[in-house]
Protein backbone atom coordinates (compact mmCIF):
# COMPACT_ATOMS: atom_id res chain seq x y z
CA MET A 1 71.31 -0.42 33.03
CA ILE A 2 70.43 0.67 29.34
CA ASP A 3 69.16 -2.48 28.04
CA ALA A 4 69.77 -1.71 24.32
CA ILE A 5 72.35 -0.83 21.77
CA TYR A 6 72.36 0.24 18.05
CA GLY A 7 74.67 -1.21 15.52
CA THR A 8 75.21 -1.98 11.91
CA LYS A 9 74.48 -5.35 10.39
CA LEU A 10 77.56 -6.40 8.53
CA GLY A 11 76.33 -9.77 7.15
CA MET A 12 76.18 -13.42 7.99
CA THR A 13 78.89 -16.08 8.53
CA GLN A 14 79.25 -19.34 10.60
CA VAL A 15 81.13 -20.36 13.66
CA PHE A 16 81.89 -23.60 15.14
CA THR A 17 80.86 -24.70 18.61
CA GLU A 18 83.10 -26.65 20.95
CA ASP A 19 81.38 -29.92 19.74
CA ASP A 20 82.10 -28.98 16.26
CA LYS A 21 78.65 -27.88 15.20
CA VAL A 22 78.22 -25.24 12.61
CA VAL A 23 76.01 -22.30 13.83
CA PRO A 24 75.01 -19.62 11.36
CA VAL A 25 75.41 -16.11 12.75
CA THR A 26 74.81 -12.60 11.77
CA VAL A 27 77.63 -10.07 12.71
CA VAL A 28 76.48 -6.81 14.21
CA GLN A 29 79.03 -4.18 14.67
CA ALA A 30 77.82 -1.89 17.61
CA ALA A 31 80.46 0.86 18.24
CA PRO A 32 79.94 2.55 21.72
CA ASN A 33 76.65 4.45 21.73
CA THR A 34 76.91 7.86 23.41
CA VAL A 35 74.24 9.21 25.81
CA CYS A 36 73.48 12.47 24.12
CA GLN A 37 70.49 13.74 26.22
CA VAL A 38 68.71 12.52 29.38
CA LYS A 39 64.99 12.93 29.50
CA THR A 40 63.26 12.87 32.92
CA ALA A 41 59.58 12.77 33.98
CA GLU A 42 60.11 16.21 35.38
CA THR A 43 61.30 17.80 32.23
CA ASP A 44 59.80 15.67 29.45
CA GLY A 45 56.94 13.58 31.18
CA TYR A 46 58.85 10.28 30.84
CA ASP A 47 62.28 8.81 31.58
CA ALA A 48 64.47 7.95 28.68
CA VAL A 49 67.92 8.52 27.31
CA GLN A 50 68.86 9.66 23.84
CA LEU A 51 71.61 7.36 22.26
CA GLY A 52 73.75 8.67 19.55
CA PHE A 53 75.89 6.51 17.12
CA GLY A 54 77.70 6.78 13.73
CA ALA A 55 80.63 9.06 12.98
CA ILE A 56 79.87 12.29 11.04
CA LYS A 57 82.01 15.28 10.08
CA ALA A 58 80.95 18.40 11.87
CA LYS A 59 80.55 20.36 8.85
CA LYS A 60 77.82 17.96 7.50
CA VAL A 61 75.61 18.48 10.51
CA ASN A 62 72.81 20.96 9.78
CA ARG A 63 72.40 24.07 12.20
CA PRO A 64 69.40 22.82 14.31
CA MET A 65 71.23 19.56 15.10
CA ALA A 66 74.49 21.48 15.73
CA GLY A 67 72.88 23.63 18.30
CA HIS A 68 71.26 20.55 19.82
CA PHE A 69 74.76 18.86 20.21
CA GLY A 70 76.27 22.17 21.38
CA LYS A 71 73.77 22.68 24.00
CA LEU A 72 74.24 19.18 25.43
CA GLY A 73 78.11 19.44 25.12
CA VAL A 74 78.53 16.25 23.08
CA GLU A 75 80.24 15.39 19.81
CA PRO A 76 77.92 15.26 16.77
CA VAL A 77 76.72 11.86 15.66
CA ARG A 78 74.86 10.65 12.45
CA HIS A 79 71.94 8.91 14.23
CA LEU A 80 69.89 9.65 17.37
CA ARG A 81 67.53 7.08 18.95
CA GLU A 82 65.57 6.99 22.28
CA VAL A 83 65.62 4.17 24.82
CA ARG A 84 63.24 4.08 27.72
CA VAL A 85 64.82 3.51 31.17
CA ASP A 86 63.36 3.22 34.74
CA ASP A 87 65.34 5.96 36.25
CA ALA A 88 67.03 8.55 33.73
CA SER A 89 68.57 10.25 36.72
CA GLU A 90 71.16 7.54 36.85
CA TYR A 91 72.71 8.69 33.59
CA LYS A 92 74.42 11.84 32.28
CA ALA A 93 75.30 13.08 28.79
CA GLY A 94 78.59 11.56 27.66
CA ASP A 95 78.01 8.07 29.17
CA THR A 96 78.60 5.19 26.76
CA VAL A 97 76.95 1.91 26.02
CA THR A 98 79.24 -0.75 24.72
CA VAL A 99 78.98 -4.37 23.63
CA ALA A 100 80.43 -5.35 27.02
CA ASN A 101 76.95 -4.97 28.40
CA PHE A 102 75.88 -8.04 26.60
CA ALA A 103 78.90 -10.28 27.46
CA ASP A 104 76.77 -12.39 29.85
CA THR A 105 73.66 -12.30 27.81
CA LYS A 106 72.09 -15.34 26.40
CA LEU A 107 68.97 -14.03 24.46
CA VAL A 108 68.23 -10.76 22.81
CA ASP A 109 65.45 -9.06 20.73
CA VAL A 110 66.51 -7.60 17.49
CA THR A 111 64.54 -4.87 15.62
CA GLY A 112 65.39 -3.56 12.24
CA THR A 113 63.74 -2.48 8.83
CA SER A 114 63.09 -5.28 6.59
CA LYS A 115 64.30 -5.28 2.89
CA GLY A 116 62.17 -3.28 0.40
CA LYS A 117 60.65 -5.44 -2.31
CA GLY A 118 58.85 -2.72 -4.26
CA PHE A 119 55.23 -2.94 -5.63
CA ALA A 120 54.23 -6.55 -5.41
CA GLY A 121 51.04 -8.62 -6.25
CA VAL A 122 48.94 -10.74 -4.01
CA MET A 123 50.78 -13.88 -4.88
CA LYS A 124 54.21 -12.67 -3.76
CA ARG A 125 52.94 -10.49 -1.06
CA TYR A 126 50.51 -12.80 0.63
CA GLY A 127 51.09 -16.29 -0.96
CA PHE A 128 47.84 -16.43 -2.93
CA ALA A 129 47.43 -19.58 -4.86
CA GLY A 130 46.57 -17.80 -8.15
CA GLY A 131 44.51 -19.29 -11.01
CA PRO A 132 45.11 -21.84 -13.69
CA GLY A 133 48.23 -21.59 -15.70
CA GLY A 134 46.93 -22.89 -18.93
CA HIS A 135 46.34 -20.80 -22.05
CA GLY A 136 42.54 -21.01 -21.83
CA ALA A 137 42.35 -19.48 -18.50
CA HIS A 138 42.03 -15.57 -18.07
CA PHE A 139 42.72 -15.50 -14.40
CA HIS A 140 46.42 -16.21 -13.61
CA ARG A 141 47.79 -13.87 -10.82
CA ALA A 142 44.96 -11.45 -10.08
CA PRO A 143 43.47 -11.41 -6.52
CA GLY A 144 39.98 -12.36 -7.51
CA SER A 145 36.77 -10.63 -6.03
CA VAL A 146 37.38 -7.79 -3.66
CA GLY A 147 33.98 -6.75 -2.52
CA MET A 148 30.23 -7.10 -2.95
CA CYS A 149 27.96 -5.66 -5.62
CA ALA A 150 25.27 -5.03 -2.97
CA THR A 151 25.44 -4.32 0.70
CA PRO A 152 27.88 -2.89 1.80
CA SER A 153 28.84 -2.02 -1.92
CA ARG A 154 32.44 -1.19 -1.10
CA VAL A 155 35.93 -2.76 -0.49
CA LEU A 156 36.34 -3.52 3.20
CA LYS A 157 39.32 -2.18 4.97
CA GLY A 158 42.14 -4.42 5.65
CA LEU A 159 41.58 -6.54 2.41
CA ARG A 160 44.86 -8.04 1.07
CA LEU A 161 45.62 -6.24 -2.18
CA PRO A 162 48.59 -5.60 -4.29
CA GLY A 163 50.90 -2.87 -2.81
CA ARG A 164 54.24 -2.04 -1.58
CA MET A 165 56.01 -4.87 0.14
CA GLY A 166 58.74 -4.74 2.72
CA CYS A 167 60.37 -1.65 4.52
CA ASP A 168 58.47 -2.63 7.68
CA THR A 169 59.76 -2.53 11.28
CA VAL A 170 60.51 -6.06 12.18
CA THR A 171 61.37 -7.55 15.55
CA VAL A 172 62.73 -10.99 15.94
CA LYS A 173 62.54 -12.18 19.60
CA ASN A 174 64.73 -14.54 21.72
CA LEU A 175 67.82 -14.85 19.45
CA GLU A 176 70.69 -16.49 20.92
CA VAL A 177 74.01 -14.60 21.50
CA VAL A 178 76.66 -16.82 20.24
CA ARG A 179 79.92 -14.53 20.85
CA VAL A 180 80.78 -11.03 21.95
CA ASP A 181 84.00 -9.37 20.78
CA GLU A 182 84.58 -6.24 22.88
CA GLU A 183 87.90 -5.38 20.97
CA GLN A 184 86.09 -5.04 17.76
CA ASN A 185 82.68 -4.13 19.04
CA LEU A 186 80.97 -7.09 17.36
CA ILE A 187 78.12 -9.13 18.55
CA LEU A 188 77.49 -12.56 16.77
CA ILE A 189 73.75 -13.50 16.97
CA LYS A 190 72.48 -16.90 15.92
CA GLY A 191 70.26 -16.83 12.84
CA ALA A 192 69.21 -14.05 10.35
CA LEU A 193 68.25 -10.51 11.23
CA PRO A 194 65.85 -8.14 9.40
CA GLY A 195 67.38 -5.75 6.95
CA GLY A 196 70.21 -5.91 4.44
CA LYS A 197 73.75 -5.38 4.72
CA ASN A 198 74.83 -2.04 6.53
CA ALA A 199 71.31 -1.77 7.81
CA THR A 200 70.89 -0.20 11.38
CA VAL A 201 69.52 -2.72 14.00
CA ARG A 202 68.66 -2.27 17.69
CA VAL A 203 69.90 -5.15 20.05
CA ARG A 204 67.96 -5.28 23.13
CA LEU A 205 68.31 -7.49 26.19
CA VAL A 206 65.48 -9.82 26.99
């Protein structure tokens, strides 16, 4: 069985359990993912299936991708992702993966792209304490010393410095599946997920 599905993060809400406890959940809308291509060890060197999701008008598909979909005999989709499987020969183009696969699932791993924060200093990016806040100080939010004047006379790799923050691939593991709505293709997952609203996330069985 394909152990992953791709969907859109709609936002957060809360649900009540049978014992009247409030549980914060993130709503993921995972419309059926279509198997667009099957890759086997004989043809590609590994076993995987290519999942497609997201509606798109045929006229908006560029010619290389239109040729790709036409060769496979499937309808064009907006996004394509690969999922490794143990035996790809069990699947064929046109098969679908739905939220029904997660109906009896208790825990999942969710992967997404975190929110971008732009260019950030070391205090925001890494939690540095900074210097004194008084008027007499000349050291407030700077990172401080970054290297040595003698050997090795350079800034070492991996040093925590200002730079772009966010827009990283983040995986949150062992999240609880609170509810699955097969009619509306919704998965309600306890807690927060990486990314903003309408972000694409991958939900994978543990």
